[in-house]
Amino acid sequence: MQLAVFYLSSLIVLLVCARSVAEAKWEDSSSCSGNGICKNDTCICYDGWQGPECQFCGGKV
């Protein structure tokens, strides 16, 4: 019985962690138009992208 409780508890922790990671990845890819990284609510654009949401092509480098 104790082993079953341990496995169930471990599964719950694993699912919560997996969900948190998935949400973080979704948030990163949906922000900054997918052309940059969001840090402290500010987009840091990848090379060749510009604008407040990295939505404008500034010419690929």
C-alpha atoms as a PDB file:
ATOM      1  CA  MET A   1       0.000   0.000   0.000  1.00  0.00           C
ATOM      2  CA  GLN A   2       2.815   2.419   0.890  1.00  0.00           C
ATOM      3  CA  LEU A   3       4.524   1.678  -2.402  1.00  0.00           C
ATOM      4  CA  ALA A   4       1.340   2.484  -4.324  1.00  0.00           C
ATOM      5  CA  VAL A   5       1.022   5.820  -2.489  1.00  0.00           C
ATOM      6  CA  PHE A   6       4.659   6.586  -3.290  1.00  0.00           C
ATOM      7  CA  TYR A   7       4.171   5.846  -7.001  1.00  0.00           C
ATOM      8  CA  LEU A   8       0.956   7.876  -7.137  1.00  0.00           C
ATOM      9  CA  SER A   9       2.637  10.823  -5.410  1.00  0.00           C
ATOM     10  CA  SER A  10       5.599  10.594  -7.785  1.00  0.00           C
ATOM     11  CA  LEU A  11       3.281  10.524 -10.785  1.00  0.00           C
ATOM     12  CA  ILE A  12       1.417  13.623  -9.587  1.00  0.00           C
ATOM     13  CA  VAL A  13       4.678  15.530  -9.077  1.00  0.00           C
ATOM     14  CA  LEU A  14       5.902  14.468 -12.520  1.00  0.00           C
ATOM     15  CA  LEU A  15       2.676  15.604 -14.197  1.00  0.00           C
ATOM     16  CA  VAL A  16       2.731  18.984 -12.438  1.00  0.00           C
ATOM     17  CA  CYS A  17       6.360  19.551 -13.459  1.00  0.00           C
ATOM     18  CA  ALA A  18       5.714  18.476 -17.063  1.00  0.00           C
ATOM     19  CA  ARG A  19       2.763  20.852 -17.292  1.00  0.00           C
ATOM     20  CA  SER A  20       4.852  23.748 -15.963  1.00  0.00           C
ATOM     21  CA  VAL A  21       7.586  23.091 -18.522  1.00  0.00           C
ATOM     22  CA  ALA A  22       5.054  22.822 -21.355  1.00  0.00           C
ATOM     23  CA  GLU A  23       3.410  26.099 -20.343  1.00  0.00           C
ATOM     24  CA  ALA A  24       6.772  27.853 -20.167  1.00  0.00           C
ATOM     25  CA  LYS A  25       7.746  26.615 -23.633  1.00  0.00           C
ATOM     26  CA  TRP A  26       4.366  27.656 -25.065  1.00  0.00           C
ATOM     27  CA  GLU A  27       4.675  31.104 -23.507  1.00  0.00           C
ATOM     28  CA  ASP A  28       8.184  31.605 -24.887  1.00  0.00           C
ATOM     29  CA  SER A  29       7.231  30.556 -28.399  1.00  0.00           C
ATOM     30  CA  SER A  30       3.986  32.567 -28.521  1.00  0.00           C
ATOM     31  CA  SER A  31       5.519  35.805 -27.272  1.00  0.00           C
ATOM     32  CA  CYS A  32       7.785  38.036 -29.327  1.00  0.00           C
ATOM     33  CA  SER A  33       6.142  36.717 -32.511  1.00  0.00           C
ATOM     34  CA  GLY A  34       8.356  33.644 -32.260  1.00  0.00           C
ATOM     35  CA  ASN A  35      11.304  35.820 -33.324  1.00  0.00           C
ATOM     36  CA  GLY A  36      12.840  36.545 -29.945  1.00  0.00           C
ATOM     37  CA  ILE A  37      12.876  35.751 -26.247  1.00  0.00           C
ATOM     38  CA  CYS A  38      10.792  37.479 -23.584  1.00  0.00           C
ATOM     39  CA  LYS A  39      12.800  38.639 -20.558  1.00  0.00           C
ATOM     40  CA  ASN A  40      11.075  40.691 -17.851  1.00  0.00           C
ATOM     41  CA  ASP A  41       8.161  41.501 -20.191  1.00  0.00           C
ATOM     42  CA  THR A  42      10.543  42.850 -22.862  1.00  0.00           C
ATOM     43  CA  CYS A  43      11.320  41.131 -26.156  1.00  0.00           C
ATOM     44  CA  ILE A  44      14.954  40.499 -26.984  1.00  0.00           C
ATOM     45  CA  CYS A  45      14.832  39.945 -30.731  1.00  0.00           C
ATOM     46  CA  TYR A  46      16.886  37.382 -32.611  1.00  0.00           C
ATOM     47  CA  ASP A  47      19.334  38.716 -35.203  1.00  0.00           C
ATOM     48  CA  GLY A  48      17.487  40.197 -38.159  1.00  0.00           C
ATOM     49  CA  TRP A  49      14.252  40.986 -36.274  1.00  0.00           C
ATOM     50  CA  GLN A  50      13.118  44.232 -34.680  1.00  0.00           C
ATOM     51  CA  GLY A  51      10.126  45.968 -33.129  1.00  0.00           C
ATOM     52  CA  PRO A  52       8.465  45.801 -29.711  1.00  0.00           C
ATOM     53  CA  GLU A  53       7.237  42.261 -30.453  1.00  0.00           C
ATOM     54  CA  CYS A  54      10.072  41.327 -32.882  1.00  0.00           C
ATOM     55  CA  GLN A  55       7.455  41.397 -35.613  1.00  0.00           C
ATOM     56  CA  PHE A  56       9.444  43.286 -38.253  1.00  0.00           C
ATOM     57  CA  CYS A  57      12.154  41.791 -40.433  1.00  0.00           C
ATOM     58  CA  GLY A  58      15.165  44.072 -40.312  1.00  0.00           C
ATOM     59  CA  GLY A  59      17.179  42.028 -42.778  1.00  0.00           C
ATOM     60  CA  LYS A  60      18.726  38.699 -41.904  1.00  0.00           C
ATOM     61  CA  VAL A  61      22.303  38.844 -40.687  1.00  0.00           C
END
